[in-house]
């Protein structure tokens, strides 16, 4: 959770989802949240930056950054444009529209 949002969190909902934490009051929730392991302290790059920050990419991609091989980058921004693929000839469609004099706009 964001530290600034802690006062607005319903500790009973947290306790229902995570009974193993043993939270029984608002005070216990705040103590747990501010303890080691309660909150994840992030540098500005892994918090807010594009292509790296938890607020800018999906959680699975964000978590992979911790374990990627040297030289590998799961969150690298695109560096090239996609190559256009021509449509197959069978995909060409010709449409003929017939109009009556009432449908032709005046010149």
C-alpha atoms as a PDB file:
ATOM      1  CA  UNK A   1       0.000   0.000   0.000  1.00  0.00           C
ATOM      2  CA  UNK A   2       1.063   3.575  -0.464  1.00  0.00           C
ATOM      3  CA  UNK A   3       2.240   4.989   2.872  1.00  0.00           C
ATOM      4  CA  UNK A   4       0.063   8.077   2.419  1.00  0.00           C
ATOM      5  CA  UNK A   5      -3.034   5.849   2.111  1.00  0.00           C
ATOM      6  CA  UNK A   6      -2.536   3.914   5.364  1.00  0.00           C
ATOM      7  CA  UNK A   7      -4.987   6.022   7.417  1.00  0.00           C
ATOM      8  CA  UNK A   8      -7.708   5.271   4.851  1.00  0.00           C
ATOM      9  CA  UNK A   9      -7.244   1.465   4.847  1.00  0.00           C
ATOM     10  CA  UNK A  10      -9.835  -0.736   6.573  1.00  0.00           C
ATOM     11  CA  UNK A  11      -7.695  -3.006   8.760  1.00  0.00           C
ATOM     12  CA  UNK A  12     -10.561  -5.547   9.018  1.00  0.00           C
ATOM     13  CA  UNK A  13     -10.525  -6.092   5.239  1.00  0.00           C
ATOM     14  CA  UNK A  14      -6.746  -6.542   5.317  1.00  0.00           C
ATOM     15  CA  UNK A  15      -7.088  -8.986   8.225  1.00  0.00           C
ATOM     16  CA  UNK A  16      -9.735 -10.981   6.328  1.00  0.00           C
ATOM     17  CA  UNK A  17      -7.465 -11.328   3.276  1.00  0.00           C
ATOM     18  CA  UNK A  18      -4.274 -11.959   5.304  1.00  0.00           C
ATOM     19  CA  UNK A  19      -5.257 -13.728   8.545  1.00  0.00           C
ATOM     20  CA  UNK A  20      -1.666 -14.934   8.985  1.00  0.00           C
ATOM     21  CA  UNK A  21      -0.674 -11.354   9.879  1.00  0.00           C
ATOM     22  CA  UNK A  22      -2.669 -11.506  13.110  1.00  0.00           C
ATOM     23  CA  UNK A  23      -4.111  -7.980  12.817  1.00  0.00           C
ATOM     24  CA  UNK A  24      -6.857  -7.241  15.379  1.00  0.00           C
ATOM     25  CA  UNK A  25      -6.957  -3.434  15.472  1.00  0.00           C
ATOM     26  CA  UNK A  26      -6.124  -0.303  13.535  1.00  0.00           C
ATOM     27  CA  UNK A  27      -3.070   0.195  15.736  1.00  0.00           C
ATOM     28  CA  UNK A  28      -1.793  -3.323  14.937  1.00  0.00           C
ATOM     29  CA  UNK A  29      -2.352  -2.712  11.233  1.00  0.00           C
ATOM     30  CA  UNK A  30      -0.370   0.554  11.268  1.00  0.00           C
ATOM     31  CA  UNK A  31       2.401  -1.103  13.312  1.00  0.00           C
ATOM     32  CA  UNK A  32       2.564  -4.016  10.840  1.00  0.00           C
ATOM     33  CA  UNK A  33       2.534  -1.686   7.821  1.00  0.00           C
ATOM     34  CA  UNK A  34       5.392   0.395   9.217  1.00  0.00           C
ATOM     35  CA  UNK A  35       7.452  -2.624  10.270  1.00  0.00           C
ATOM     36  CA  UNK A  36      10.167  -4.358   8.238  1.00  0.00           C
ATOM     37  CA  UNK A  37       8.394  -6.195   5.435  1.00  0.00           C
ATOM     38  CA  UNK A  38       5.174  -4.234   5.924  1.00  0.00           C
ATOM     39  CA  UNK A  39       5.929  -1.700   3.229  1.00  0.00           C
ATOM     40  CA  UNK A  40       8.242  -1.939   0.262  1.00  0.00           C
ATOM     41  CA  UNK A  41      10.625   1.004   0.134  1.00  0.00           C
ATOM     42  CA  UNK A  42      11.431   1.861  -3.488  1.00  0.00           C
ATOM     43  CA  UNK A  43      13.939   4.135  -5.156  1.00  0.00           C
ATOM     44  CA  UNK A  44      12.445   6.749  -7.484  1.00  0.00           C
ATOM     45  CA  UNK A  45      13.368   4.668 -10.563  1.00  0.00           C
ATOM     46  CA  UNK A  46      11.454   1.584  -9.408  1.00  0.00           C
ATOM     47  CA  UNK A  47       8.631   3.664  -7.996  1.00  0.00           C
ATOM     48  CA  UNK A  48       7.710   6.211 -10.699  1.00  0.00           C
ATOM     49  CA  UNK A  49       9.894   6.045 -13.785  1.00  0.00           C
ATOM     50  CA  UNK A  50       8.524   5.023 -17.201  1.00  0.00           C
ATOM     51  CA  UNK A  51       9.374   1.436 -18.221  1.00  0.00           C
ATOM     52  CA  UNK A  52      10.703   0.627 -14.703  1.00  0.00           C
ATOM     53  CA  UNK A  53       8.359   2.049 -12.046  1.00  0.00           C
ATOM     54  CA  UNK A  54       5.644   0.031 -10.361  1.00  0.00           C
ATOM     55  CA  UNK A  55       3.098   2.730 -11.294  1.00  0.00           C
ATOM     56  CA  UNK A  56       4.030   2.573 -14.993  1.00  0.00           C
ATOM     57  CA  UNK A  57       4.270  -1.150 -15.855  1.00  0.00           C
ATOM     58  CA  UNK A  58       2.443  -4.361 -15.022  1.00  0.00           C
ATOM     59  CA  UNK A  59       3.245  -6.093 -11.738  1.00  0.00           C
ATOM     60  CA  UNK A  60       4.600  -9.254 -13.426  1.00  0.00           C
ATOM     61  CA  UNK A  61       7.036  -7.213 -15.544  1.00  0.00           C
ATOM     62  CA  UNK A  62       7.991  -5.124 -12.521  1.00  0.00           C
ATOM     63  CA  UNK A  63       8.790  -8.245 -10.462  1.00  0.00           C
ATOM     64  CA  UNK A  64      10.860  -9.788 -13.275  1.00  0.00           C
ATOM     65  CA  UNK A  65      13.328  -6.878 -13.120  1.00  0.00           C
ATOM     66  CA  UNK A  66      14.728  -8.264  -9.867  1.00  0.00           C
ATOM     67  CA  UNK A  67      15.683 -11.603 -11.419  1.00  0.00           C
ATOM     68  CA  UNK A  68      16.635 -10.804 -15.016  1.00  0.00           C
ATOM     69  CA  UNK A  69      19.952 -12.073 -16.368  1.00  0.00           C
ATOM     70  CA  UNK A  70      22.814  -9.626 -16.843  1.00  0.00           C
ATOM     71  CA  UNK A  71      22.327  -7.942 -20.202  1.00  0.00           C
ATOM     72  CA  UNK A  72      18.606  -8.768 -20.304  1.00  0.00           C
ATOM     73  CA  UNK A  73      15.923  -6.116 -19.878  1.00  0.00           C
ATOM     74  CA  UNK A  74      12.276  -7.105 -19.476  1.00  0.00           C
ATOM     75  CA  UNK A  75      11.120  -3.498 -19.371  1.00  0.00           C
ATOM     76  CA  UNK A  76      13.204  -1.940 -22.131  1.00  0.00           C
ATOM     77  CA  UNK A  77      11.240   0.586 -24.186  1.00  0.00           C
ATOM     78  CA  UNK A  78      10.738  -0.238 -27.861  1.00  0.00           C
ATOM     79  CA  UNK A  79      13.577   0.955 -30.085  1.00  0.00           C
ATOM     80  CA  UNK A  80      12.186   0.229 -33.529  1.00  0.00           C
ATOM     81  CA  UNK A  81       8.935   0.455 -35.423  1.00  0.00           C
ATOM     82  CA  UNK A  82       7.050  -2.706 -36.245  1.00  0.00           C
ATOM     83  CA  UNK A  83       7.635  -3.992 -39.762  1.00  0.00           C
ATOM     84  CA  UNK A  84       4.465  -3.598 -41.857  1.00  0.00           C
ATOM     85  CA  UNK A  85       3.103  -6.874 -43.151  1.00  0.00           C
ATOM     86  CA  UNK A  86       1.290  -6.687 -46.499  1.00  0.00           C
ATOM     87  CA  UNK A  87      -2.223  -8.097 -46.563  1.00  0.00           C
ATOM     88  CA  UNK A  88      -2.647 -11.281 -48.584  1.00  0.00           C
ATOM     89  CA  UNK A  89      -4.266 -10.897 -52.013  1.00  0.00           C
ATOM     90  CA  UNK A  90      -7.284 -12.863 -50.816  1.00  0.00           C
ATOM     91  CA  UNK A  91      -7.953 -10.145 -48.238  1.00  0.00           C
ATOM     92  CA  UNK A  92      -8.657  -7.527 -50.926  1.00  0.00           C
ATOM     93  CA  UNK A  93     -12.327  -6.590 -50.987  1.00  0.00           C
ATOM     94  CA  UNK A  94     -14.053  -4.548 -53.654  1.00  0.00           C
ATOM     95  CA  UNK A  95     -17.255  -2.779 -52.681  1.00  0.00           C
ATOM     96  CA  UNK A  96     -19.701  -1.483 -55.259  1.00  0.00           C
ATOM     97  CA  UNK A  97     -22.400   0.909 -54.127  1.00  0.00           C
ATOM     98  CA  UNK A  98     -25.373   1.562 -56.323  1.00  0.00           C
ATOM     99  CA  UNK A  99     -27.261   4.807 -55.805  1.00  0.00           C
ATOM    100  CA  UNK A 100     -30.609   5.993 -56.945  1.00  0.00           C
ATOM    101  CA  UNK A 101     -31.136   9.613 -58.065  1.00  0.00           C
ATOM    102  CA  UNK A 102     -32.606  10.434 -54.620  1.00  0.00           C
ATOM    103  CA  UNK A 103     -29.357   9.309 -52.920  1.00  0.00           C
ATOM    104  CA  UNK A 104     -26.987  11.376 -55.096  1.00  0.00           C
ATOM    105  CA  UNK A 105     -26.087  14.654 -53.393  1.00  0.00           C
ATOM    106  CA  UNK A 106     -26.581  17.796 -55.501  1.00  0.00           C
ATOM    107  CA  UNK A 107     -23.462  19.423 -56.987  1.00  0.00           C
END
